[in-house]
Amino acid sequence: MKAGAIFAEAMRDADFVQINGIVFETEYLREPDESTVAEDVIMEVKLGDTELAFTRDELDDAVYVGDGHFRLKSGALLRFLSNATVH
């Protein structure tokens, strides 16, 4: 599986995004496709009054570094998290 596919699978249905050890709530996620361009917002996250948005360009070429973590071009370490469902 290509790194981009691993990233897309990890972000799918994520409830939270951990960025450099800080957990943000997912506000918006859009899986990149052939219609998205570099400046399109792909992900928005929020923690209290802090809101962050990431464009396709910022998330493209994320490198999987293991244990569910991805390193962005900016150097940020990112991990997608989901709520556990107990049946």
C-alpha atoms as a PDB file:
ATOM      1  CA  MET A   1       0.000   0.000   0.000  1.00  0.00           C
ATOM      2  CA  LYS A   2       1.407   3.407  -0.960  1.00  0.00           C
ATOM      3  CA  ALA A   3       2.085   6.006   1.761  1.00  0.00           C
ATOM      4  CA  GLY A   4      -0.725   8.226   0.434  1.00  0.00           C
ATOM      5  CA  ALA A   5      -3.186   5.354   0.690  1.00  0.00           C
ATOM      6  CA  ILE A   6      -2.051   4.601   4.255  1.00  0.00           C
ATOM      7  CA  PHE A   7      -2.532   8.287   5.153  1.00  0.00           C
ATOM      8  CA  ALA A   8      -6.020   8.396   3.572  1.00  0.00           C
ATOM      9  CA  GLU A   9      -7.045   5.209   5.398  1.00  0.00           C
ATOM     10  CA  ALA A  10      -5.758   6.568   8.725  1.00  0.00           C
ATOM     11  CA  MET A  11      -7.603   9.882   8.387  1.00  0.00           C
ATOM     12  CA  ARG A  12     -10.901   8.249   7.375  1.00  0.00           C
ATOM     13  CA  ASP A  13     -13.437   8.670  10.209  1.00  0.00           C
ATOM     14  CA  ALA A  14     -10.860  10.094  12.639  1.00  0.00           C
ATOM     15  CA  ASP A  15     -12.493  11.788  15.625  1.00  0.00           C
ATOM     16  CA  PHE A  16      -9.269  13.373  16.847  1.00  0.00           C
ATOM     17  CA  VAL A  17      -5.883  14.340  15.425  1.00  0.00           C
ATOM     18  CA  GLN A  18      -2.768  14.360  17.575  1.00  0.00           C
ATOM     19  CA  ILE A  19      -0.291  16.974  16.363  1.00  0.00           C
ATOM     20  CA  ASN A  20       3.105  17.057  18.075  1.00  0.00           C
ATOM     21  CA  GLY A  21       1.593  15.348  21.111  1.00  0.00           C
ATOM     22  CA  ILE A  22      -1.440  17.668  21.438  1.00  0.00           C
ATOM     23  CA  VAL A  23      -4.869  16.144  20.731  1.00  0.00           C
ATOM     24  CA  PHE A  24      -7.292  18.238  18.668  1.00  0.00           C
ATOM     25  CA  GLU A  25     -10.913  17.450  17.843  1.00  0.00           C
ATOM     26  CA  THR A  26     -11.591  16.854  14.176  1.00  0.00           C
ATOM     27  CA  GLU A  27     -13.876  19.511  12.700  1.00  0.00           C
ATOM     28  CA  TYR A  28     -13.538  18.658   8.992  1.00  0.00           C
ATOM     29  CA  LEU A  29     -11.805  15.987   6.932  1.00  0.00           C
ATOM     30  CA  ARG A  30     -11.814  15.590   3.179  1.00  0.00           C
ATOM     31  CA  GLU A  31     -10.019  12.747   1.503  1.00  0.00           C
ATOM     32  CA  PRO A  32      -7.963  14.191  -1.361  1.00  0.00           C
ATOM     33  CA  ASP A  33      -8.968  13.047  -4.833  1.00  0.00           C
ATOM     34  CA  GLU A  34      -8.351  14.067  -8.424  1.00  0.00           C
ATOM     35  CA  SER A  35     -10.507  17.205  -8.009  1.00  0.00           C
ATOM     36  CA  THR A  36      -8.584  18.651  -5.041  1.00  0.00           C
ATOM     37  CA  VAL A  37      -5.750  21.101  -5.612  1.00  0.00           C
ATOM     38  CA  ALA A  38      -2.801  22.165  -3.448  1.00  0.00           C
ATOM     39  CA  GLU A  39      -4.600  25.071  -1.719  1.00  0.00           C
ATOM     40  CA  ASP A  40      -7.796  23.129  -0.886  1.00  0.00           C
ATOM     41  CA  VAL A  41      -8.397  22.656   2.846  1.00  0.00           C
ATOM     42  CA  ILE A  42      -8.298  18.934   3.610  1.00  0.00           C
ATOM     43  CA  MET A  43      -8.408  18.997   7.408  1.00  0.00           C
ATOM     44  CA  GLU A  44      -9.603  21.359  10.131  1.00  0.00           C
ATOM     45  CA  VAL A  45      -9.051  20.645  13.828  1.00  0.00           C
ATOM     46  CA  LYS A  46      -9.923  22.497  17.020  1.00  0.00           C
ATOM     47  CA  LEU A  47      -8.823  22.601  20.662  1.00  0.00           C
ATOM     48  CA  GLY A  48     -10.658  25.203  22.733  1.00  0.00           C
ATOM     49  CA  ASP A  49     -10.222  28.523  20.908  1.00  0.00           C
ATOM     50  CA  THR A  50      -7.373  27.183  18.774  1.00  0.00           C
ATOM     51  CA  GLU A  51      -8.348  26.191  15.247  1.00  0.00           C
ATOM     52  CA  LEU A  52      -5.919  24.821  12.667  1.00  0.00           C
ATOM     53  CA  ALA A  53      -6.485  24.149   8.965  1.00  0.00           C
ATOM     54  CA  PHE A  54      -4.276  22.078   6.687  1.00  0.00           C
ATOM     55  CA  THR A  55      -4.209  22.267   2.904  1.00  0.00           C
ATOM     56  CA  ARG A  56      -3.579  19.417   0.530  1.00  0.00           C
ATOM     57  CA  ASP A  57      -0.095  20.809  -0.097  1.00  0.00           C
ATOM     58  CA  GLU A  58       0.711  20.671   3.635  1.00  0.00           C
ATOM     59  CA  LEU A  59      -0.485  17.056   3.919  1.00  0.00           C
ATOM     60  CA  ASP A  60       0.823  15.716   0.594  1.00  0.00           C
ATOM     61  CA  ASP A  61       3.913  13.587   0.899  1.00  0.00           C
ATOM     62  CA  ALA A  62       3.344  12.803   4.580  1.00  0.00           C
ATOM     63  CA  VAL A  63       5.759  10.048   5.543  1.00  0.00           C
ATOM     64  CA  TYR A  64       4.598   7.121   7.653  1.00  0.00           C
ATOM     65  CA  VAL A  65       7.096   6.753  10.493  1.00  0.00           C
ATOM     66  CA  GLY A  66       5.427   3.870  12.338  1.00  0.00           C
ATOM     67  CA  ASP A  67       3.004   3.298  15.189  1.00  0.00           C
ATOM     68  CA  GLY A  68       0.303   5.282  13.378  1.00  0.00           C
ATOM     69  CA  HIS A  69       2.404   8.462  13.135  1.00  0.00           C
ATOM     70  CA  PHE A  70       3.064  10.534  10.026  1.00  0.00           C
ATOM     71  CA  ARG A  71       5.728  13.211   9.568  1.00  0.00           C
ATOM     72  CA  LEU A  72       4.575  16.222   7.517  1.00  0.00           C
ATOM     73  CA  LYS A  73       6.845  18.317   5.281  1.00  0.00           C
ATOM     74  CA  SER A  74       6.761  20.978   8.011  1.00  0.00           C
ATOM     75  CA  GLY A  75       8.258  18.471  10.444  1.00  0.00           C
ATOM     76  CA  ALA A  76       5.058  18.143  12.482  1.00  0.00           C
ATOM     77  CA  LEU A  77       4.261  14.673  13.803  1.00  0.00           C
ATOM     78  CA  LEU A  78       0.624  13.746  13.218  1.00  0.00           C
ATOM     79  CA  ARG A  79      -1.559  10.801  14.256  1.00  0.00           C
ATOM     80  CA  PHE A  80      -5.251  10.157  13.628  1.00  0.00           C
ATOM     81  CA  LEU A  81      -7.359   8.820  16.503  1.00  0.00           C
ATOM     82  CA  SER A  82     -10.901   7.428  16.708  1.00  0.00           C
ATOM     83  CA  ASN A  83     -13.258   6.883  19.594  1.00  0.00           C
ATOM     84  CA  ALA A  84     -13.390   3.262  20.666  1.00  0.00           C
ATOM     85  CA  THR A  85     -16.797   1.654  20.400  1.00  0.00           C
ATOM     86  CA  VAL A  86     -17.583  -1.056  22.922  1.00  0.00           C
ATOM     87  CA  HIS A  87     -20.396  -3.474  22.062  1.00  0.00           C
END
